[in-house]
């Protein structure tokens, strides 16, 4: 491994909860700060449309190595003084398997900006976290992060067999291809997303090779570790092993899914990773999900882990991208013994169980179910499918029912879904205003560790910092 990774990895929580401010603060303590790489094209565009009041985004863009591309992005999205409060954000067209040069440019610049800002003012490593499920932006996003000098690439929500090989190609500015999952694809279907870095270089010279980051896939079982080592197209440098009590998307239970009386998926012995087999692999590993405490860190180290990945405690610190009002209410609930997280098997269009913090006024509030709008205008969690005419189509179980069913979707896939994309943007204060004037409800994802957050508040304050979390874990 070319990068020395610290023992504490801050979770890469999307969308923009793990923002550059949080990652920068954690990395400056000597641990690994991680930015979320999810939907950064939209994040950048909306921050610029809100006027970039502190000038951070424009400062980062001014350091981007290809100035003409940077200028195009600024000219398209930046609004001096910010958009009017009741004005919708300018939309960005959804990607398809066929590359679109302009959409790729936005992704490159956005990922560069987030990593650049997280690295600013120190020399410690910074990581980025992607979801394998969201495949279309992977190539330009990864290239932008590499241009900014990202040190660690972490990938979850799927089996990222292609990632390590693509990293090796990207650091040499070589043409790369990513096979996109297409439901019902025929042997003749072109499922490959293509990207040539040299098409974006502006200085006319051969660009110098970039530094290779460490690659850490997120897994839930020892069998996945074996598969990744056997089938990956490049080097795997270690693993993040998440349990079923981690926040965000969880791996489904192995075998047929069964449910508890309150509707949560039931996990059993088959879903517990065999750490003896992981240790036999010989690569470093970090444990996540239920390890966000001094005792959790000690337990992980005693198990032979290199350290822990912690998300929930960082999601609720003051540097987090979560809206302050949501964060404050969640912390008050934790301190009052009312913290609750529900593993929702239906809410996410991704098809994975999703941890949802129970909070009034959000998607978790059953009294507001009627306010859940069925829409898919961002497209990150869409599924590609083979259409009858031979072309690739896109469908999402969160879009209007008649639209989804007309595309061949099954009725049982619709129940309980929400547009997680729009809701996560609302959680960080970047929510869209829809044509009818409504807005998406926020959704907050936290791990089961949420019930223990009061310990950090008691030791520090109810407005604790990321530095406090690091100190707490190391205590």
Protein backbone atom coordinates (compact mmCIF):
# COMPACT_ATOMS: atom_id res chain seq x y z
CA UNK A 1 0.00 0.00 0.00
CA UNK A 2 1.39 3.38 -1.04
CA UNK A 3 -0.70 5.34 1.49
CA UNK A 4 -0.51 4.94 5.26
CA UNK A 5 -4.15 4.96 6.38
CA UNK A 6 -4.84 6.02 10.00
CA UNK A 7 -6.81 3.89 12.43
CA UNK A 8 -9.94 6.08 12.33
CA UNK A 9 -11.75 6.46 9.02
CA UNK A 10 -14.54 9.03 9.03
CA UNK A 11 -17.50 7.62 7.10
CA UNK A 12 -18.23 9.01 3.64
CA UNK A 13 -21.88 9.94 4.12
CA UNK A 14 -23.82 11.30 1.16
CA UNK A 15 -25.19 13.51 -0.12
CA UNK A 16 -22.77 16.23 1.16
CA UNK A 17 -23.15 15.25 4.81
CA UNK A 18 -19.50 14.24 4.62
CA UNK A 19 -18.56 17.53 3.03
CA UNK A 20 -15.11 19.01 2.60
CA UNK A 21 -15.30 20.93 5.90
CA UNK A 22 -15.85 17.73 7.87
CA UNK A 23 -13.21 15.72 6.00
CA UNK A 24 -10.66 18.52 6.27
CA UNK A 25 -11.15 18.83 10.03
CA UNK A 26 -10.79 15.07 10.57
CA UNK A 27 -7.71 14.80 8.38
CA UNK A 28 -6.07 17.69 10.20
CA UNK A 29 -6.29 15.63 13.41
CA UNK A 30 -4.20 12.91 11.75
CA UNK A 31 -7.10 10.54 11.06
CA UNK A 32 -8.68 9.92 7.64
CA UNK A 33 -11.24 12.49 6.57
CA UNK A 34 -13.48 11.27 3.74
CA UNK A 35 -15.72 13.30 1.43
CA UNK A 36 -18.82 11.79 -0.11
CA UNK A 37 -18.45 11.43 -3.88
CA UNK A 38 -22.19 10.98 -4.41
CA UNK A 39 -23.94 13.48 -6.69
CA UNK A 40 -21.14 16.04 -6.45
CA UNK A 41 -22.06 17.45 -9.86
CA UNK A 42 -25.40 18.62 -8.48
CA UNK A 43 -23.84 19.67 -5.17
CA UNK A 44 -21.34 21.93 -6.94
CA UNK A 45 -23.97 23.39 -9.26
CA UNK A 46 -26.33 24.22 -6.39
CA UNK A 47 -23.65 25.72 -4.17
CA UNK A 48 -22.66 28.01 -7.05
CA UNK A 49 -26.29 28.95 -7.71
CA UNK A 50 -26.58 29.86 -4.03
CA UNK A 51 -23.81 32.40 -4.62
CA UNK A 52 -20.85 30.62 -2.98
CA UNK A 53 -20.95 33.29 -0.24
CA UNK A 54 -17.59 32.41 1.35
CA UNK A 55 -15.88 32.05 -2.04
CA UNK A 56 -14.53 28.57 -1.22
CA UNK A 57 -15.87 26.89 -4.36
CA UNK A 58 -14.52 29.58 -6.67
CA UNK A 59 -11.14 29.46 -4.93
CA UNK A 60 -10.95 25.72 -5.55
CA UNK A 61 -12.11 26.11 -9.16
CA UNK A 62 -9.36 28.70 -9.73
CA UNK A 63 -6.85 25.96 -8.90
CA UNK A 64 -8.33 23.46 -11.34
CA UNK A 65 -5.67 22.46 -13.92
CA UNK A 66 -7.88 23.01 -17.00
CA UNK A 67 -8.99 26.68 -16.88
CA UNK A 68 -11.34 26.65 -19.88
CA UNK A 69 -13.36 23.81 -18.39
CA UNK A 70 -13.43 25.64 -15.05
CA UNK A 71 -14.66 28.81 -16.74
CA UNK A 72 -17.50 26.95 -18.48
CA UNK A 73 -18.72 25.51 -15.19
CA UNK A 74 -18.60 28.87 -13.42
CA UNK A 75 -20.28 30.71 -16.29
CA UNK A 76 -23.10 28.16 -16.35
CA UNK A 77 -23.92 27.90 -12.65
CA UNK A 78 -22.53 30.79 -10.59
CA UNK A 79 -25.08 33.44 -9.57
CA UNK A 80 -23.66 36.55 -7.91
CA UNK A 81 -25.51 37.03 -4.63
CA UNK A 82 -27.32 33.73 -5.04
CA UNK A 83 -30.61 32.71 -6.64
CA UNK A 84 -33.90 33.99 -5.25
CA UNK A 85 -35.10 31.84 -2.36
CA UNK A 86 -38.25 30.69 -4.18
CA UNK A 87 -36.44 29.96 -7.45
CA UNK A 88 -35.69 26.36 -8.39
CA UNK A 89 -32.16 25.20 -9.04
CA UNK A 90 -31.10 24.86 -12.66
CA UNK A 91 -31.37 21.15 -13.46
CA UNK A 92 -28.56 18.99 -14.77
CA UNK A 93 -29.50 16.37 -17.33
CA UNK A 94 -29.17 12.76 -16.16
CA UNK A 95 -26.29 10.75 -17.57
CA UNK A 96 -26.73 7.77 -19.87
CA UNK A 97 -24.36 4.99 -20.89
CA UNK A 98 -23.24 7.06 -23.88
CA UNK A 99 -20.78 9.70 -22.67
CA UNK A 100 -21.72 13.37 -22.70
CA UNK A 101 -18.64 15.63 -22.66
CA UNK A 102 -20.33 18.50 -20.80
CA UNK A 103 -21.82 16.31 -18.07
CA UNK A 104 -18.43 14.67 -17.64
CA UNK A 105 -16.81 18.10 -17.27
CA UNK A 106 -19.15 19.03 -14.43
CA UNK A 107 -18.32 15.76 -12.65
CA UNK A 108 -14.57 16.22 -13.08
CA UNK A 109 -14.61 19.77 -11.71
CA UNK A 110 -16.99 18.92 -8.85
CA UNK A 111 -14.91 16.01 -7.57
CA UNK A 112 -11.72 18.05 -7.89
CA UNK A 113 -13.25 20.89 -5.87
CA UNK A 114 -14.43 18.70 -2.98
CA UNK A 115 -11.10 16.90 -2.61
CA UNK A 116 -9.05 20.07 -3.12
CA UNK A 117 -10.87 21.89 -0.34
CA UNK A 118 -10.63 18.89 2.00
CA UNK A 119 -6.85 18.78 1.42
CA UNK A 120 -6.29 22.52 1.75
CA UNK A 121 -4.01 23.68 4.58
CA UNK A 122 -2.48 20.32 5.56
CA UNK A 123 -0.54 17.39 4.10
CA UNK A 124 -2.47 14.47 5.60
CA UNK A 125 -4.38 11.96 3.45
CA UNK A 126 -7.98 12.57 2.37
CA UNK A 127 -10.36 9.92 1.03
CA UNK A 128 -13.47 9.87 -1.13
CA UNK A 129 -16.41 7.48 -0.92
CA UNK A 130 -18.46 6.29 -3.90
CA UNK A 131 -21.47 4.00 -4.23
CA UNK A 132 -21.00 1.19 -6.75
CA UNK A 133 -24.76 1.32 -7.40
CA UNK A 134 -24.39 4.79 -8.96
CA UNK A 135 -22.23 3.69 -11.89
CA UNK A 136 -22.63 6.31 -14.61
CA UNK A 137 -20.55 9.10 -13.00
CA UNK A 138 -17.73 6.81 -11.80
CA UNK A 139 -15.18 7.51 -14.55
CA UNK A 140 -15.23 11.34 -14.68
CA UNK A 141 -15.76 11.55 -10.90
CA UNK A 142 -12.73 9.40 -10.16
CA UNK A 143 -10.59 11.38 -12.61
CA UNK A 144 -11.51 14.68 -10.93
CA UNK A 145 -10.67 13.28 -7.49
CA UNK A 146 -7.32 11.98 -8.76
CA UNK A 147 -6.48 15.37 -10.26
CA UNK A 148 -6.96 16.84 -6.78
CA UNK A 149 -4.65 14.27 -5.17
CA UNK A 150 -7.10 12.01 -3.34
CA UNK A 151 -5.27 9.44 -1.19
CA UNK A 152 -7.91 6.76 -0.58
CA UNK A 153 -10.88 5.59 -2.65
CA UNK A 154 -13.60 3.75 -0.71
CA UNK A 155 -16.51 2.10 -2.54
CA UNK A 156 -19.65 0.50 -1.07
CA UNK A 157 -23.26 -0.37 -1.99
CA UNK A 158 -22.32 -3.13 -4.39
CA UNK A 159 -19.37 -5.25 -5.50
CA UNK A 160 -16.82 -2.89 -7.12
CA UNK A 161 -14.85 -5.39 -9.19
CA UNK A 162 -13.92 -2.83 -11.87
CA UNK A 163 -12.75 0.05 -9.68
CA UNK A 164 -9.17 -0.91 -8.89
CA UNK A 165 -8.28 -1.55 -12.52
CA UNK A 166 -9.80 1.75 -13.57
CA UNK A 167 -7.76 3.58 -10.93
CA UNK A 168 -4.61 2.15 -12.52
CA UNK A 169 -5.73 3.38 -15.95
CA UNK A 170 -6.79 6.81 -14.74
CA UNK A 171 -3.52 7.64 -12.99
CA UNK A 172 -1.84 7.14 -16.39
CA UNK A 173 -4.55 9.23 -18.14
CA UNK A 174 -5.51 6.20 -20.22
CA UNK A 175 -8.83 5.43 -21.90
CA UNK A 176 -11.10 3.52 -19.53
CA UNK A 177 -14.37 1.63 -19.81
CA UNK A 178 -16.93 0.75 -17.14
CA UNK A 179 -19.46 -2.01 -17.73
CA UNK A 180 -22.85 -0.77 -16.52
CA UNK A 181 -25.38 -3.23 -15.10
CA UNK A 182 -28.32 -3.44 -17.52
CA UNK A 183 -31.28 -5.60 -16.51
CA UNK A 184 -32.12 -8.10 -19.25
CA UNK A 185 -29.16 -7.06 -21.41
CA UNK A 186 -28.56 -9.08 -24.58
CA UNK A 187 -25.11 -10.20 -25.76
CA UNK A 188 -25.32 -7.49 -28.42
CA UNK A 189 -26.16 -4.69 -25.94
CA UNK A 190 -23.43 -2.09 -25.56
CA UNK A 191 -23.34 -1.62 -21.78
CA UNK A 192 -19.97 0.11 -21.54
CA UNK A 193 -19.46 3.65 -20.33
CA UNK A 194 -16.34 5.09 -22.00
CA UNK A 195 -14.01 7.85 -20.88
CA UNK A 196 -10.77 9.20 -22.34
CA UNK A 197 -8.95 11.61 -20.00
CA UNK A 198 -6.87 13.04 -22.84
CA UNK A 199 -10.04 14.55 -24.36
CA UNK A 200 -10.21 16.92 -21.39
CA UNK A 201 -6.56 17.99 -21.14
CA UNK A 202 -6.10 21.59 -22.30
CA UNK A 203 -2.42 22.38 -22.15
CA UNK A 204 -1.52 20.29 -25.19
CA UNK A 205 1.22 18.46 -23.33
CA UNK A 206 1.26 14.87 -22.18
CA UNK A 207 0.02 15.02 -18.57
CA UNK A 208 2.25 13.57 -15.88
CA UNK A 209 1.13 10.35 -14.14
CA UNK A 210 -0.99 10.94 -11.06
CA UNK A 211 -0.42 9.46 -7.61
CA UNK A 212 -2.21 6.17 -7.08
CA UNK A 213 -4.60 6.19 -4.12
CA UNK A 214 -5.27 3.17 -1.93
CA UNK A 215 -8.44 1.29 -2.82
CA UNK A 216 -10.70 0.01 -0.02
CA UNK A 217 -13.97 -1.71 -0.97
CA UNK A 218 -16.70 -1.89 1.66
CA UNK A 219 -17.79 -5.47 2.27
CA UNK A 220 -20.09 -7.32 4.66
CA UNK A 221 -18.74 -10.88 4.35
CA UNK A 222 -15.46 -12.76 4.04
CA UNK A 223 -16.67 -14.36 0.80
CA UNK A 224 -16.81 -10.90 -0.80
CA UNK A 225 -13.21 -10.28 0.23
CA UNK A 226 -12.16 -13.49 -1.50
CA UNK A 227 -14.16 -12.63 -4.61
CA UNK A 228 -12.71 -9.13 -4.87
CA UNK A 229 -9.15 -10.39 -4.54
CA UNK A 230 -9.75 -13.07 -7.15
CA UNK A 231 -11.72 -11.07 -9.71
CA UNK A 232 -10.70 -7.41 -9.33
CA UNK A 233 -8.91 -5.94 -12.32
CA UNK A 234 -6.29 -4.20 -10.17
CA UNK A 235 -4.89 -4.04 -6.65
CA UNK A 236 -7.11 -4.15 -3.57
CA UNK A 237 -5.29 -2.51 -0.65
CA UNK A 238 -7.59 -3.49 2.21
CA UNK A 239 -11.23 -3.64 3.27
CA UNK A 240 -13.81 -1.75 5.26
CA UNK A 241 -16.09 -4.36 6.83
CA UNK A 242 -19.53 -3.03 7.73
CA UNK A 243 -22.04 -4.76 9.96
CA UNK A 244 -25.80 -4.58 9.48
CA UNK A 245 -26.11 -1.87 12.15
CA UNK A 246 -24.09 0.68 10.13
CA UNK A 247 -25.88 3.72 8.75
CA UNK A 248 -26.82 4.29 5.12
CA UNK A 249 -27.41 1.37 2.78
CA UNK A 250 -26.92 -2.08 4.30
CA UNK A 251 -26.23 -5.32 2.49
CA UNK A 252 -29.44 -7.40 2.38
CA UNK A 253 -29.60 -10.44 4.65
CA UNK A 254 -28.24 -13.57 3.00
CA UNK A 255 -30.91 -15.95 1.78
CA UNK A 256 -34.61 -15.14 1.71
CA UNK A 257 -35.38 -11.89 3.50
CA UNK A 258 -37.63 -12.24 6.55
CA UNK A 259 -38.95 -9.46 8.75
CA UNK A 260 -39.43 -8.69 12.43
CA UNK A 261 -42.92 -7.83 13.72
CA UNK A 262 -42.21 -4.12 13.20
CA UNK A 263 -41.09 -4.69 9.59
CA UNK A 264 -37.30 -4.62 9.79
CA UNK A 265 -35.17 -7.18 7.91
CA UNK A 266 -33.86 -9.94 10.16
CA UNK A 267 -30.12 -10.60 10.06
CA UNK A 268 -28.71 -13.88 11.30
CA UNK A 269 -25.44 -15.80 11.79
CA UNK A 270 -24.87 -16.04 8.04
CA UNK A 271 -24.64 -12.25 7.90
CA UNK A 272 -21.72 -12.04 10.35
CA UNK A 273 -18.33 -11.68 8.68
CA UNK A 274 -15.83 -14.39 9.64
CA UNK A 275 -12.88 -12.33 10.82
CA UNK A 276 -10.66 -15.41 11.07
CA UNK A 277 -10.90 -15.74 7.30
CA UNK A 278 -10.37 -12.01 6.83
CA UNK A 279 -7.19 -12.18 8.91
CA UNK A 280 -5.97 -15.05 6.73
CA UNK A 281 -6.18 -12.77 3.70
CA UNK A 282 -3.38 -10.67 5.19
CA UNK A 283 -4.64 -7.24 4.11
CA UNK A 284 -5.48 -4.45 6.58
CA UNK A 285 -9.14 -4.04 7.43
CA UNK A 286 -11.28 -1.52 9.31
CA UNK A 287 -14.51 -2.39 11.10
CA UNK A 288 -17.62 -0.22 10.75
CA UNK A 289 -21.10 -0.31 12.24
CA UNK A 290 -21.28 -0.21 16.03
CA UNK A 291 -17.62 0.66 16.62
CA UNK A 292 -18.03 4.41 17.24
CA UNK A 293 -16.78 4.43 20.84
CA UNK A 294 -13.48 4.01 22.70
CA UNK A 295 -14.57 0.46 23.57
CA UNK A 296 -15.45 -0.18 19.92
CA UNK A 297 -12.05 0.98 18.75
CA UNK A 298 -10.29 -1.18 21.32
CA UNK A 299 -12.42 -4.20 20.37
CA UNK A 300 -11.59 -3.72 16.68
CA UNK A 301 -7.86 -3.45 17.36
CA UNK A 302 -8.04 -6.55 19.56
CA UNK A 303 -9.67 -8.38 16.61
CA UNK A 304 -6.65 -7.55 14.47
CA UNK A 305 -8.25 -4.66 12.59
CA UNK A 306 -6.20 -1.66 11.53
CA UNK A 307 -8.91 0.53 12.98
CA UNK A 308 -12.55 1.54 12.60
CA UNK A 309 -14.83 3.44 10.26
CA UNK A 310 -17.18 5.79 12.14
CA UNK A 311 -20.08 7.63 10.54
CA UNK A 312 -22.92 8.49 12.90
CA UNK A 313 -20.88 10.45 15.45
CA UNK A 314 -19.38 12.56 12.65
CA UNK A 315 -22.76 13.04 10.91
CA UNK A 316 -24.00 14.86 14.02
CA UNK A 317 -20.95 17.06 14.66
CA UNK A 318 -20.95 20.76 13.85
CA UNK A 319 -18.79 20.42 10.70
CA UNK A 320 -21.27 17.98 9.15
CA UNK A 321 -23.21 19.13 6.11
CA UNK A 322 -26.55 18.22 7.73
CA UNK A 323 -28.88 21.18 8.28
CA UNK A 324 -28.20 22.55 11.79
CA UNK A 325 -31.87 22.40 12.81
CA UNK A 326 -32.07 18.69 11.98
CA UNK A 327 -28.79 17.97 13.73
CA UNK A 328 -29.84 19.86 16.87
CA UNK A 329 -33.16 18.04 17.12
CA UNK A 330 -31.52 14.65 16.62
CA UNK A 331 -28.97 15.38 19.35
CA UNK A 332 -31.70 16.50 21.75
CA UNK A 333 -33.62 13.29 21.09
CA UNK A 334 -30.50 11.21 21.75
CA UNK A 335 -29.83 13.00 25.03
CA UNK A 336 -33.45 12.51 26.10
CA UNK A 337 -33.36 8.78 25.40
CA UNK A 338 -35.61 9.05 22.33
CA UNK A 339 -33.09 8.09 19.65
CA UNK A 340 -34.50 5.56 17.22
CA UNK A 341 -33.30 4.15 13.90
CA UNK A 342 -35.43 1.96 11.61
CA UNK A 343 -33.98 -0.34 8.97
CA UNK A 344 -36.34 0.31 6.06
CA UNK A 345 -36.22 -2.39 3.39
CA UNK A 346 -38.40 -0.42 0.96
CA UNK A 347 -37.65 3.31 1.09
CA UNK A 348 -34.53 3.38 -1.11
CA UNK A 349 -34.91 2.85 -4.87
CA UNK A 350 -31.46 1.23 -4.74
CA UNK A 351 -33.09 -1.94 -3.43
CA UNK A 352 -30.88 -2.16 -0.35
CA UNK A 353 -32.15 -1.85 3.24
CA UNK A 354 -31.63 1.74 4.37
CA UNK A 355 -31.17 3.00 7.94
CA UNK A 356 -33.57 5.87 8.64
CA UNK A 357 -33.44 7.98 11.81
CA UNK A 358 -36.95 8.53 13.15
CA UNK A 359 -37.52 12.28 13.21
CA UNK A 360 -40.74 14.31 12.91
CA UNK A 361 -41.00 16.35 9.73
CA UNK A 362 -38.86 13.97 7.68
CA UNK A 363 -39.52 10.98 5.41
CA UNK A 364 -39.69 8.79 8.53
CA UNK A 365 -42.80 10.64 9.74
CA UNK A 366 -45.73 8.40 8.74
CA UNK A 367 -48.13 11.30 9.21
CA UNK A 368 -46.46 12.94 6.22
CA UNK A 369 -46.63 9.96 3.84
CA UNK A 370 -49.06 11.88 1.65
CA UNK A 371 -46.37 14.51 1.09
CA UNK A 372 -43.98 12.00 -0.46
CA UNK A 373 -43.94 13.04 -4.11
CA UNK A 374 -43.27 10.34 -6.67
CA UNK A 375 -40.54 11.74 -8.87
CA UNK A 376 -37.23 10.79 -10.47
CA UNK A 377 -35.73 13.99 -11.84
CA UNK A 378 -32.13 13.38 -10.71
CA UNK A 379 -31.72 9.78 -11.75
CA UNK A 380 -28.83 8.64 -9.57
CA UNK A 381 -30.61 5.50 -8.33
CA UNK A 382 -32.29 4.56 -11.60
CA UNK A 383 -31.90 1.05 -12.99
CA UNK A 384 -30.90 0.46 -16.61
CA UNK A 385 -32.94 -2.12 -18.51
CA UNK A 386 -33.10 -3.58 -22.00
CA UNK A 387 -36.05 -2.15 -23.91
CA UNK A 388 -38.02 -4.11 -26.52
CA UNK A 389 -36.59 -1.91 -29.28
CA UNK A 390 -33.04 -2.93 -28.30
CA UNK A 391 -32.14 0.38 -26.67
CA UNK A 392 -31.28 0.93 -23.00
CA UNK A 393 -34.08 2.42 -20.91
CA UNK A 394 -34.13 3.76 -17.36
CA UNK A 395 -36.66 3.26 -14.59
CA UNK A 396 -36.90 4.06 -10.91
CA UNK A 397 -39.44 2.67 -8.42
CA UNK A 398 -39.71 6.16 -6.90
CA UNK A 399 -41.03 7.71 -10.14
CA UNK A 400 -44.79 8.00 -10.87
CA UNK A 401 -46.36 4.54 -10.67
CA UNK A 402 -47.84 4.50 -14.16
CA UNK A 403 -44.50 5.54 -15.65
CA UNK A 404 -42.58 2.85 -13.79
CA UNK A 405 -45.07 0.10 -14.67
CA UNK A 406 -45.11 1.15 -18.33
CA UNK A 407 -41.37 0.54 -18.40
CA UNK A 408 -41.77 -3.05 -17.22
CA UNK A 409 -41.38 -2.41 -13.52
CA UNK A 410 -43.23 -4.72 -11.12
CA UNK A 411 -45.99 -3.43 -8.81
CA UNK A 412 -44.33 -4.93 -5.71
CA UNK A 413 -41.24 -2.77 -6.34
CA UNK A 414 -43.20 0.46 -5.84
CA UNK A 415 -44.56 0.15 -2.33
CA UNK A 416 -42.90 2.34 0.30
CA UNK A 417 -40.37 3.97 -2.03
CA UNK A 418 -39.26 7.58 -1.72
CA UNK A 419 -37.06 9.79 -3.88
CA UNK A 420 -34.03 9.41 -1.64
CA UNK A 421 -31.98 11.64 -3.97
CA UNK A 422 -34.15 14.72 -3.52
CA UNK A 423 -34.64 14.00 0.18
CA UNK A 424 -30.91 13.75 0.86
CA UNK A 425 -30.37 17.08 -0.88
CA UNK A 426 -33.04 18.57 1.37
CA UNK A 427 -31.18 17.18 4.41
CA UNK A 428 -28.15 19.36 3.60
CA UNK A 429 -30.13 22.47 2.67
CA UNK A 430 -29.86 22.06 -1.10
CA UNK A 431 -33.37 20.78 -1.75
CA UNK A 432 -35.11 21.48 -5.04
CA UNK A 433 -38.31 23.46 -5.44
CA UNK A 434 -40.69 21.45 -7.63
CA UNK A 435 -42.91 22.96 -10.34
CA UNK A 436 -45.93 22.89 -8.00
CA UNK A 437 -43.98 24.85 -5.37
CA UNK A 438 -43.49 21.91 -3.01
CA UNK A 439 -40.20 20.64 -1.63
CA UNK A 440 -38.93 17.16 -0.79
CA UNK A 441 -38.98 16.02 2.83
CA UNK A 442 -35.50 15.51 4.33
CA UNK A 443 -34.34 12.00 5.17
CA UNK A 444 -31.65 11.29 7.77
CA UNK A 445 -29.65 8.08 7.80
CA UNK A 446 -27.74 7.12 10.94
CA UNK A 447 -26.44 3.85 12.32
CA UNK A 448 -27.70 2.11 15.42
CA UNK A 449 -24.86 3.86 17.29
CA UNK A 450 -27.14 6.91 17.32
CA UNK A 451 -28.58 5.78 20.66
CA UNK A 452 -25.15 6.27 22.28
CA UNK A 453 -24.47 9.79 20.98
CA UNK A 454 -25.44 11.25 24.35
CA UNK A 455 -22.11 10.01 25.71
CA UNK A 456 -20.23 12.40 23.42
CA UNK A 457 -22.56 15.27 24.30
CA UNK A 458 -22.03 14.67 28.02
CA UNK A 459 -18.25 14.61 27.64
CA UNK A 460 -18.03 17.67 25.37
CA UNK A 461 -21.25 19.52 24.49
CA UNK A 462 -24.41 19.16 22.44
CA UNK A 463 -22.61 21.16 19.74
CA UNK A 464 -19.51 18.99 19.62
CA UNK A 465 -16.91 19.12 16.86
CA UNK A 466 -15.26 16.53 14.66
CA UNK A 467 -12.11 17.01 16.75
CA UNK A 468 -14.15 16.05 19.82
CA UNK A 469 -15.22 12.83 18.11
CA UNK A 470 -11.60 11.91 17.38
CA UNK A 471 -10.59 12.71 20.95
CA UNK A 472 -13.51 10.67 22.29
CA UNK A 473 -12.63 7.62 20.17
CA UNK A 474 -8.98 7.83 21.22
CA UNK A 475 -9.87 8.20 24.90
